[in-house]
């Protein structure tokens, strides 16, 4: 293996190491935001003060 290809491999391994450390917290954060958003949508839909048009649009968006 030449020196330049080793440096490239080392750089890619470094990037992969960083991404693998970020991946799990990112998935957890995105999941929690999604669950919170869905819960808020359900709460908003359960309130009768909102218009029927809003309810229909929100259900389509879900």
PDB file of N, CA and C in Angstrom:
ATOM      1  N   UNK A   1       0.852  -1.167   0.000  1.00  0.00           N
ATOM      2  CA  UNK A   1       0.000   0.000   0.000  1.00  0.00           C
ATOM      3  C   UNK A   1       0.904   1.237   0.000  1.00  0.00           C
ATOM      4  N   UNK A   2       0.657   2.135  -0.928  1.00  0.00           N
ATOM      5  CA  UNK A   2       1.487   3.333  -0.999  1.00  0.00           C
ATOM      6  C   UNK A   2       1.117   4.296   0.120  1.00  0.00           C
ATOM      7  N   UNK A   3       1.979   5.273   0.303  1.00  0.00           N
ATOM      8  CA  UNK A   3       1.799   6.225   1.396  1.00  0.00           C
ATOM      9  C   UNK A   3       0.542   7.068   1.198  1.00  0.00           C
ATOM     10  N   UNK A   4       0.269   7.504  -0.050  1.00  0.00           N
ATOM     11  CA  UNK A   4      -0.894   8.360  -0.292  1.00  0.00           C
ATOM     12  C   UNK A   4      -2.201   7.595  -0.087  1.00  0.00           C
ATOM     13  N   UNK A   5      -2.241   6.326  -0.491  1.00  0.00           N
ATOM     14  CA  UNK A   5      -3.469   5.557  -0.284  1.00  0.00           C
ATOM     15  C   UNK A   5      -3.673   5.261   1.202  1.00  0.00           C
ATOM     16  N   UNK A   6      -2.592   5.110   1.956  1.00  0.00           N
ATOM     17  CA  UNK A   6      -2.714   4.902   3.402  1.00  0.00           C
ATOM     18  C   UNK A   6      -3.267   6.154   4.069  1.00  0.00           C
ATOM     19  N   UNK A   7      -2.810   7.330   3.622  1.00  0.00           N
ATOM     20  CA  UNK A   7      -3.317   8.580   4.180  1.00  0.00           C
ATOM     21  C   UNK A   7      -4.803   8.743   3.867  1.00  0.00           C
ATOM     22  N   UNK A   8      -5.205   8.357   2.657  1.00  0.00           N
ATOM     23  CA  UNK A   8      -6.613   8.436   2.288  1.00  0.00           C
ATOM     24  C   UNK A   8      -7.438   7.503   3.164  1.00  0.00           C
ATOM     25  N   UNK A   9      -6.956   6.283   3.353  1.00  0.00           N
ATOM     26  CA  UNK A   9      -7.665   5.320   4.203  1.00  0.00           C
ATOM     27  C   UNK A   9      -7.753   5.834   5.633  1.00  0.00           C
ATOM     28  N   UNK A  10      -6.669   6.416   6.118  1.00  0.00           N
ATOM     29  CA  UNK A  10      -6.655   6.943   7.476  1.00  0.00           C
ATOM     30  C   UNK A  10      -7.665   8.080   7.627  1.00  0.00           C
ATOM     31  N   UNK A  11      -7.739   8.939   6.613  1.00  0.00           N
ATOM     32  CA  UNK A  11      -8.698  10.040   6.646  1.00  0.00           C
ATOM     33  C   UNK A  11     -10.129   9.549   6.622  1.00  0.00           C
ATOM     34  N   UNK A  12     -10.396   8.540   5.774  1.00  0.00           N
ATOM     35  CA  UNK A  12     -11.746   7.988   5.703  1.00  0.00           C
ATOM     36  C   UNK A  12     -12.120   7.266   6.995  1.00  0.00           C
ATOM     37  N   UNK A  13     -11.167   6.583   7.592  1.00  0.00           N
ATOM     38  CA  UNK A  13     -11.427   5.904   8.862  1.00  0.00           C
ATOM     39  C   UNK A  13     -11.729   6.928   9.959  1.00  0.00           C
ATOM     40  N   UNK A  14     -11.039   8.053   9.924  1.00  0.00           N
ATOM     41  CA  UNK A  14     -11.280   9.120  10.897  1.00  0.00           C
ATOM     42  C   UNK A  14     -12.698   9.678  10.739  1.00  0.00           C
ATOM     43  N   UNK A  15     -13.101   9.928   9.493  1.00  0.00           N
ATOM     44  CA  UNK A  15     -14.444  10.450   9.228  1.00  0.00           C
ATOM     45  C   UNK A  15     -15.498   9.430   9.654  1.00  0.00           C
ATOM     46  N   UNK A  16     -15.264   8.164   9.344  1.00  0.00           N
ATOM     47  CA  UNK A  16     -16.211   7.118   9.731  1.00  0.00           C
ATOM     48  C   UNK A  16     -16.328   7.019  11.254  1.00  0.00           C
ATOM     49  N   UNK A  17     -15.236   7.208  11.945  1.00  0.00           N
ATOM     50  CA  UNK A  17     -15.247   7.162  13.406  1.00  0.00           C
ATOM     51  C   UNK A  17     -16.095   8.298  13.974  1.00  0.00           C
ATOM     52  N   UNK A  18     -15.948   9.485  13.415  1.00  0.00           N
ATOM     53  CA  UNK A  18     -16.736  10.634  13.875  1.00  0.00           C
ATOM     54  C   UNK A  18     -18.219  10.405  13.595  1.00  0.00           C
ATOM     55  N   UNK A  19     -18.538   9.940  12.383  1.00  0.00           N
ATOM     56  CA  UNK A  19     -19.941   9.718  12.027  1.00  0.00           C
ATOM     57  C   UNK A  19     -20.587   8.637  12.887  1.00  0.00           C
ATOM     58  N   UNK A  20     -19.835   7.608  13.221  1.00  0.00           N
ATOM     59  CA  UNK A  20     -20.404   6.547  14.054  1.00  0.00           C
ATOM     60  C   UNK A  20     -20.682   7.037  15.473  1.00  0.00           C
ATOM     61  N   UNK A  21     -19.918   8.012  15.944  1.00  0.00           N
ATOM     62  CA  UNK A  21     -20.172   8.581  17.271  1.00  0.00           C
ATOM     63  C   UNK A  21     -21.395   9.496  17.261  1.00  0.00           C
ATOM     64  N   UNK A  22     -21.652  10.158  16.142  1.00  0.00           N
ATOM     65  CA  UNK A  22     -22.757  11.108  16.040  1.00  0.00           C
ATOM     66  C   UNK A  22     -24.075  10.397  15.737  1.00  0.00           C
ATOM     67  N   UNK A  23     -24.029   9.251  15.073  1.00  0.00           N
ATOM     68  CA  UNK A  23     -25.225   8.600  14.531  1.00  0.00           C
ATOM     69  C   UNK A  23     -26.274   8.280  15.593  1.00  0.00           C
ATOM     70  N   UNK A  24     -25.904   7.631  16.670  1.00  0.00           N
ATOM     71  CA  UNK A  24     -26.879   7.208  17.683  1.00  0.00           C
ATOM     72  C   UNK A  24     -27.560   8.396  18.368  1.00  0.00           C
ATOM     73  N   UNK A  25     -26.832   9.404  18.845  1.00  0.00           N
ATOM     74  CA  UNK A  25     -27.533  10.555  19.447  1.00  0.00           C
ATOM     75  C   UNK A  25     -28.436  11.275  18.445  1.00  0.00           C
ATOM     76  N   UNK A  26     -28.015  11.337  17.190  1.00  0.00           N
ATOM     77  CA  UNK A  26     -28.825  11.993  16.160  1.00  0.00           C
ATOM     78  C   UNK A  26     -30.156  11.266  15.987  1.00  0.00           C
ATOM     79  N   UNK A  27     -30.117   9.950  15.902  1.00  0.00           N
ATOM     80  CA  UNK A  27     -31.339   9.169  15.740  1.00  0.00           C
ATOM     81  C   UNK A  27     -32.255   9.349  16.948  1.00  0.00           C
ATOM     82  N   UNK A  28     -31.686   9.369  18.141  1.00  0.00           N
ATOM     83  CA  UNK A  28     -32.491   9.549  19.357  1.00  0.00           C
ATOM     84  C   UNK A  28     -33.146  10.925  19.368  1.00  0.00           C
ATOM     85  N   UNK A  29     -32.398  11.963  19.019  1.00  0.00           N
ATOM     86  CA  UNK A  29     -32.933  13.329  19.017  1.00  0.00           C
ATOM     87  C   UNK A  29     -34.054  13.460  17.991  1.00  0.00           C
ATOM     88  N   UNK A  30     -33.841  12.955  16.786  1.00  0.00           N
ATOM     89  CA  UNK A  30     -34.862  13.048  15.739  1.00  0.00           C
ATOM     90  C   UNK A  30     -36.121  12.280  16.143  1.00  0.00           C
ATOM     91  N   UNK A  31     -35.945  11.123  16.751  1.00  0.00           N
ATOM     92  CA  UNK A  31     -37.092  10.328  17.197  1.00  0.00           C
ATOM     93  C   UNK A  31     -37.884  11.063  18.272  1.00  0.00           C
ATOM     94  N   UNK A  32     -37.188  11.653  19.241  1.00  0.00           N
ATOM     95  CA  UNK A  32     -37.882  12.375  20.313  1.00  0.00           C
ATOM     96  C   UNK A  32     -38.630  13.591  19.780  1.00  0.00           C
ATOM     97  N   UNK A  33     -38.035  14.305  18.830  1.00  0.00           N
ATOM     98  CA  UNK A  33     -38.713  15.458  18.230  1.00  0.00           C
ATOM     99  C   UNK A  33     -39.967  14.999  17.489  1.00  0.00           C
ATOM    100  N   UNK A  34     -39.863  13.891  16.772  1.00  0.00           N
ATOM    101  CA  UNK A  34     -41.023  13.368  16.052  1.00  0.00           C
ATOM    102  C   UNK A  34     -42.139  12.944  16.980  1.00  0.00           C
ATOM    103  N   UNK A  35     -41.799  12.259  18.054  1.00  0.00           N
ATOM    104  CA  UNK A  35     -42.818  11.822  19.017  1.00  0.00           C
ATOM    105  C   UNK A  35     -43.473  13.031  19.677  1.00  0.00           C
ATOM    106  N   UNK A  36     -42.675  14.028  20.055  1.00  0.00           N
ATOM    107  CA  UNK A  36     -43.230  15.234  20.678  1.00  0.00           C
ATOM    108  C   UNK A  36     -44.145  15.974  19.703  1.00  0.00           C
ATOM    109  N   UNK A  37     -43.736  16.066  18.456  1.00  0.00           N
ATOM    110  CA  UNK A  37     -44.569  16.729  17.450  1.00  0.00           C
ATOM    111  C   UNK A  37     -45.886  16.018  17.237  1.00  0.00           C
ATOM    112  N   UNK A  38     -45.852  14.698  17.181  1.00  0.00           N
ATOM    113  CA  UNK A  38     -47.093  13.935  17.018  1.00  0.00           C
ATOM    114  C   UNK A  38     -47.990  14.073  18.241  1.00  0.00           C
ATOM    115  N   UNK A  39     -47.404  14.072  19.427  1.00  0.00           N
ATOM    116  CA  UNK A  39     -48.202  14.229  20.645  1.00  0.00           C
ATOM    117  C   UNK A  39     -48.870  15.602  20.674  1.00  0.00           C
ATOM    118  N   UNK A  40     -48.129  16.638  20.301  1.00  0.00           N
ATOM    119  CA  UNK A  40     -48.723  17.979  20.268  1.00  0.00           C
ATOM    120  C   UNK A  40     -49.835  18.069  19.234  1.00  0.00           C
ATOM    121  N   UNK A  41     -49.656  17.410  18.107  1.00  0.00           N
ATOM    122  CA  UNK A  41     -50.697  17.409  17.080  1.00  0.00           C
ATOM    123  C   UNK A  41     -51.965  16.734  17.591  1.00  0.00           C
ATOM    124  N   UNK A  42     -51.802  15.618  18.281  1.00  0.00           N
ATOM    125  CA  UNK A  42     -52.970  14.920  18.828  1.00  0.00           C
ATOM    126  C   UNK A  42     -53.670  15.782  19.872  1.00  0.00           C
ATOM    127  N   UNK A  43     -52.903  16.469  20.702  1.00  0.00           N
ATOM    128  CA  UNK A  43     -53.495  17.356  21.715  1.00  0.00           C
ATOM    129  C   UNK A  43     -54.253  18.495  21.042  1.00  0.00           C
ATOM    130  N   UNK A  44     -53.649  19.082  20.010  1.00  0.00           N
ATOM    131  CA  UNK A  44     -54.311  20.184  19.308  1.00  0.00           C
ATOM    132  C   UNK A  44     -55.579  19.711  18.605  1.00  0.00           C
ATOM    133  N   UNK A  45     -55.551  18.497  18.054  1.00  0.00           N
ATOM    134  CA  UNK A  45     -56.742  17.984  17.376  1.00  0.00           C
ATOM    135  C   UNK A  45     -57.864  17.662  18.358  1.00  0.00           C
ATOM    136  N   UNK A  46     -57.505  17.350  19.600  1.00  0.00           N
ATOM    137  CA  UNK A  46     -58.536  16.996  20.576  1.00  0.00           C
ATOM    138  C   UNK A  46     -59.271  18.221  21.110  1.00  0.00           C
ATOM    139  N   UNK A  47     -58.698  19.405  20.926  1.00  0.00           N
ATOM    140  CA  UNK A  47     -59.369  20.628  21.381  1.00  0.00           C
ATOM    141  C   UNK A  47     -60.454  21.005  20.374  1.00  0.00           C
ATOM    142  N   UNK A  48     -61.622  21.299  20.873  1.00  0.00           N
ATOM    143  CA  UNK A  48     -62.762  21.603  19.998  1.00  0.00           C
ATOM    144  C   UNK A  48     -62.742  23.049  19.494  1.00  0.00           C
ATOM    145  N   UNK A  49     -61.858  23.880  20.029  1.00  0.00           N
ATOM    146  CA  UNK A  49     -61.854  25.293  19.640  1.00  0.00           C
ATOM    147  C   UNK A  49     -61.238  25.521  18.261  1.00  0.00           C
ATOM    148  N   UNK A  50     -60.556  24.514  17.728  1.00  0.00           N
ATOM    149  CA  UNK A  50     -59.938  24.669  16.415  1.00  0.00           C
ATOM    150  C   UNK A  50     -60.963  24.402  15.317  1.00  0.00           C
ATOM    151  N   UNK A  51     -60.689  24.965  14.165  1.00  0.00           N
ATOM    152  CA  UNK A  51     -61.644  24.820  13.071  1.00  0.00           C
ATOM    153  C   UNK A  51     -61.578  23.426  12.467  1.00  0.00           C
ATOM    154  N   UNK A  52     -62.641  23.058  11.782  1.00  0.00           N
ATOM    155  CA  UNK A  52     -62.702  21.747  11.133  1.00  0.00           C
ATOM    156  C   UNK A  52     -61.686  21.672   9.996  1.00  0.00           C
ATOM    157  N   UNK A  53     -61.462  22.780   9.313  1.00  0.00           N
ATOM    158  CA  UNK A  53     -60.499  22.808   8.210  1.00  0.00           C
ATOM    159  C   UNK A  53     -59.095  22.500   8.723  1.00  0.00           C
ATOM    160  N   UNK A  54     -58.751  23.048   9.880  1.00  0.00           N
ATOM    161  CA  UNK A  54     -57.432  22.767  10.468  1.00  0.00           C
ATOM    162  C   UNK A  54     -57.301  21.290  10.795  1.00  0.00           C
ATOM    163  N   UNK A  55     -58.349  20.700  11.335  1.00  0.00           N
ATOM    164  CA  UNK A  55     -58.318  19.273  11.655  1.00  0.00           C
ATOM    165  C   UNK A  55     -58.079  18.435  10.410  1.00  0.00           C
ATOM    166  N   UNK A  56     -58.765  18.750   9.337  1.00  0.00           N
ATOM    167  CA  UNK A  56     -58.595  17.991   8.099  1.00  0.00           C
ATOM    168  C   UNK A  56     -57.179  18.137   7.551  1.00  0.00           C
ATOM    169  N   UNK A  57     -56.650  19.347   7.550  1.00  0.00           N
ATOM    170  CA  UNK A  57     -55.293  19.575   7.032  1.00  0.00           C
ATOM    171  C   UNK A  57     -54.255  18.855   7.884  1.00  0.00           C
ATOM    172  N   UNK A  58     -54.448  18.858   9.180  1.00  0.00           N
ATOM    173  CA  UNK A  58     -53.492  18.207  10.070  1.00  0.00           C
ATOM    174  C   UNK A  58     -53.512  16.700   9.889  1.00  0.00           C
ATOM    175  N   UNK A  59     -54.683  16.133   9.741  1.00  0.00           N
ATOM    176  CA  UNK A  59     -54.769  14.691   9.527  1.00  0.00           C
ATOM    177  C   UNK A  59     -54.125  14.288   8.209  1.00  0.00           C
ATOM    178  N   UNK A  60     -54.279  15.107   7.184  1.00  0.00           N
ATOM    179  CA  UNK A  60     -53.632  14.823   5.903  1.00  0.00           C
ATOM    180  C   UNK A  60     -52.119  14.896   6.061  1.00  0.00           C
ATOM    181  N   UNK A  61     -51.630  15.858   6.834  1.00  0.00           N
ATOM    182  CA  UNK A  61     -50.184  16.014   7.030  1.00  0.00           C
ATOM    183  C   UNK A  61     -49.588  14.841   7.788  1.00  0.00           C
ATOM    184  N   UNK A  62     -50.346  14.265   8.709  1.00  0.00           N
ATOM    185  CA  UNK A  62     -49.836  13.120   9.459  1.00  0.00           C
ATOM    186  C   UNK A  62     -49.698  11.927   8.554  1.00  0.00           C
TER     187      UNK A  62
END
